[in-house]
Amino acid sequence: MLQLQINIDVTNCGLFVDKDQPFLAASPNGLVGDNEIVEIKCPMTISDSENLSSAAASGKV
């Protein structure tokens, strides 16, 4: 859905575990290109919005 909203390619991914410190890990929502991640949080202020575009238009994002 994010891909359609902002017209970029987002690749699904899983858990990334640090090789040197395996107690550190991250699970981003997606990857964009080689060096960027997508992490989406849903604060209560936008939980009732129809979509990302309407939340951005209202200034809540």
N, C-alpha and C. Protein backbone atom coordinates (compact mmCIF):
# COMPACT_ATOMS: atom_id res chain seq x y z
N MET A 1 0.81 -1.18 0.00
CA MET A 1 0.00 0.00 0.00
C MET A 1 0.86 1.26 0.00
N LEU A 2 1.95 1.25 0.77
CA LEU A 2 2.85 2.40 0.79
C LEU A 2 3.41 2.66 -0.60
N GLN A 3 3.70 1.60 -1.33
CA GLN A 3 4.24 1.76 -2.67
C GLN A 3 3.29 2.55 -3.55
N LEU A 4 2.01 2.31 -3.42
CA LEU A 4 1.02 3.04 -4.22
C LEU A 4 0.87 4.48 -3.74
N GLN A 5 0.95 4.70 -2.43
CA GLN A 5 0.76 6.04 -1.87
C GLN A 5 1.86 7.01 -2.30
N ILE A 6 3.11 6.57 -2.27
CA ILE A 6 4.21 7.49 -2.56
C ILE A 6 5.04 7.07 -3.77
N ASN A 7 4.60 6.07 -4.51
CA ASN A 7 5.19 5.66 -5.78
C ASN A 7 6.68 5.31 -5.67
N ILE A 8 7.03 4.43 -4.72
CA ILE A 8 8.38 3.90 -4.63
C ILE A 8 8.29 2.39 -4.45
N ASP A 9 9.38 1.70 -4.77
CA ASP A 9 9.42 0.25 -4.59
C ASP A 9 9.87 -0.07 -3.16
N VAL A 10 9.06 -0.84 -2.46
CA VAL A 10 9.38 -1.28 -1.09
C VAL A 10 9.46 -2.79 -1.11
N THR A 11 10.58 -3.34 -0.63
CA THR A 11 10.78 -4.78 -0.59
C THR A 11 10.49 -5.29 0.81
N ASN A 12 9.66 -6.31 0.91
CA ASN A 12 9.38 -6.92 2.22
C ASN A 12 10.65 -7.55 2.77
N CYS A 13 10.78 -7.57 4.08
CA CYS A 13 11.97 -8.16 4.70
C CYS A 13 11.60 -8.77 6.04
N GLY A 14 12.55 -9.43 6.62
CA GLY A 14 12.33 -10.06 7.91
C GLY A 14 13.21 -9.47 8.99
N LEU A 15 13.72 -10.32 9.86
CA LEU A 15 14.53 -9.89 11.00
C LEU A 15 16.00 -9.79 10.59
N PHE A 16 16.66 -8.69 10.98
CA PHE A 16 18.09 -8.50 10.77
C PHE A 16 18.77 -8.58 12.13
N VAL A 17 19.74 -9.50 12.25
CA VAL A 17 20.47 -9.70 13.50
C VAL A 17 21.91 -9.24 13.29
N ASP A 18 22.43 -8.42 14.21
CA ASP A 18 23.80 -7.94 14.12
C ASP A 18 24.76 -9.11 14.25
N LYS A 19 25.75 -9.19 13.34
CA LYS A 19 26.68 -10.32 13.33
C LYS A 19 27.60 -10.32 14.55
N ASP A 20 28.03 -9.13 14.98
CA ASP A 20 28.97 -9.04 16.10
C ASP A 20 28.28 -9.03 17.46
N GLN A 21 27.06 -8.53 17.50
CA GLN A 21 26.31 -8.46 18.76
C GLN A 21 24.92 -9.04 18.51
N PRO A 22 24.81 -10.36 18.51
CA PRO A 22 23.56 -11.02 18.11
C PRO A 22 22.36 -10.76 19.01
N PHE A 23 22.57 -10.05 20.12
CA PHE A 23 21.43 -9.67 20.96
C PHE A 23 20.76 -8.41 20.41
N LEU A 24 21.35 -7.79 19.39
CA LEU A 24 20.75 -6.63 18.72
C LEU A 24 20.11 -7.07 17.42
N ALA A 25 18.88 -6.66 17.21
CA ALA A 25 18.17 -7.04 15.99
C ALA A 25 17.17 -5.95 15.63
N ALA A 26 16.73 -5.99 14.38
CA ALA A 26 15.73 -5.04 13.91
C ALA A 26 14.82 -5.75 12.91
N SER A 27 13.58 -5.32 12.88
CA SER A 27 12.63 -5.89 11.92
C SER A 27 11.85 -4.75 11.25
N PRO A 28 12.49 -4.09 10.28
CA PRO A 28 11.79 -3.00 9.59
C PRO A 28 10.61 -3.52 8.79
N ASN A 29 9.70 -2.63 8.47
CA ASN A 29 8.54 -3.01 7.67
C ASN A 29 8.90 -3.25 6.22
N GLY A 30 10.00 -2.67 5.75
CA GLY A 30 10.41 -2.87 4.37
C GLY A 30 11.74 -2.21 4.09
N LEU A 31 12.28 -2.50 2.90
CA LEU A 31 13.54 -1.92 2.44
C LEU A 31 13.27 -1.09 1.21
N VAL A 32 13.98 0.06 1.12
CA VAL A 32 13.89 0.93 -0.05
C VAL A 32 15.31 1.12 -0.54
N GLY A 33 15.61 0.62 -1.72
CA GLY A 33 16.97 0.73 -2.24
C GLY A 33 17.94 -0.10 -1.41
N ASP A 34 19.22 0.34 -1.42
CA ASP A 34 20.27 -0.41 -0.72
C ASP A 34 20.52 0.06 0.70
N ASN A 35 20.15 1.30 1.02
CA ASN A 35 20.54 1.86 2.31
C ASN A 35 19.40 2.48 3.11
N GLU A 36 18.17 2.20 2.76
CA GLU A 36 17.05 2.83 3.46
C GLU A 36 16.05 1.78 3.91
N ILE A 37 15.38 2.08 5.02
CA ILE A 37 14.34 1.19 5.53
C ILE A 37 13.02 1.94 5.66
N VAL A 38 11.95 1.19 5.80
CA VAL A 38 10.64 1.76 6.06
C VAL A 38 10.19 1.21 7.41
N GLU A 39 9.80 2.11 8.30
CA GLU A 39 9.26 1.72 9.60
C GLU A 39 8.01 2.56 9.82
N ILE A 40 6.87 1.91 9.89
CA ILE A 40 5.60 2.62 10.02
C ILE A 40 5.04 2.43 11.42
N LYS A 41 4.74 3.52 12.04
CA LYS A 41 4.08 3.51 13.35
C LYS A 41 2.72 4.15 13.18
N CYS A 42 1.79 3.78 14.00
CA CYS A 42 0.44 4.33 13.89
C CYS A 42 0.05 5.00 15.19
N PRO A 43 0.43 6.27 15.35
CA PRO A 43 0.01 6.97 16.57
C PRO A 43 -1.50 7.15 16.60
N MET A 44 -2.03 7.27 17.77
CA MET A 44 -3.49 7.39 17.92
C MET A 44 -4.06 8.57 17.14
N THR A 45 -3.28 9.62 16.92
CA THR A 45 -3.82 10.79 16.23
C THR A 45 -4.20 10.52 14.78
N ILE A 46 -3.61 9.47 14.18
CA ILE A 46 -3.98 9.19 12.79
C ILE A 46 -4.69 7.85 12.62
N SER A 47 -4.98 7.17 13.70
CA SER A 47 -5.57 5.84 13.57
C SER A 47 -6.95 5.87 12.93
N ASP A 48 -7.65 7.00 12.97
CA ASP A 48 -8.97 7.09 12.36
C ASP A 48 -8.94 7.65 10.94
N SER A 49 -7.76 8.02 10.44
CA SER A 49 -7.65 8.56 9.09
C SER A 49 -7.91 7.47 8.06
N GLU A 50 -8.38 7.86 6.89
CA GLU A 50 -8.67 6.88 5.84
C GLU A 50 -7.40 6.26 5.30
N ASN A 51 -6.35 7.05 5.09
CA ASN A 51 -5.12 6.53 4.52
C ASN A 51 -3.98 7.51 4.79
N LEU A 52 -2.79 7.15 4.33
CA LEU A 52 -1.61 7.97 4.55
C LEU A 52 -1.77 9.35 3.93
N SER A 53 -2.36 9.43 2.75
CA SER A 53 -2.52 10.72 2.07
C SER A 53 -3.41 11.67 2.86
N SER A 54 -4.52 11.17 3.40
CA SER A 54 -5.42 12.04 4.16
C SER A 54 -4.79 12.46 5.48
N ALA A 55 -4.00 11.57 6.10
CA ALA A 55 -3.31 11.94 7.33
C ALA A 55 -2.27 13.02 7.05
N ALA A 56 -1.55 12.90 5.94
CA ALA A 56 -0.56 13.91 5.58
C ALA A 56 -1.23 15.23 5.25
N ALA A 57 -2.34 15.18 4.55
CA ALA A 57 -3.05 16.41 4.18
C ALA A 57 -3.59 17.14 5.41
N SER A 58 -3.93 16.40 6.45
CA SER A 58 -4.47 17.02 7.66
C SER A 58 -3.36 17.53 8.58
N GLY A 59 -2.10 17.24 8.23
CA GLY A 59 -0.98 17.69 9.05
C GLY A 59 -0.67 16.80 10.23
N LYS A 60 -1.27 15.63 10.29
CA LYS A 60 -1.05 14.72 11.42
C LYS A 60 0.18 13.85 11.23
N VAL A 61 0.73 13.83 10.02
CA VAL A 61 1.92 13.03 9.75
C VAL A 61 3.02 13.94 9.30
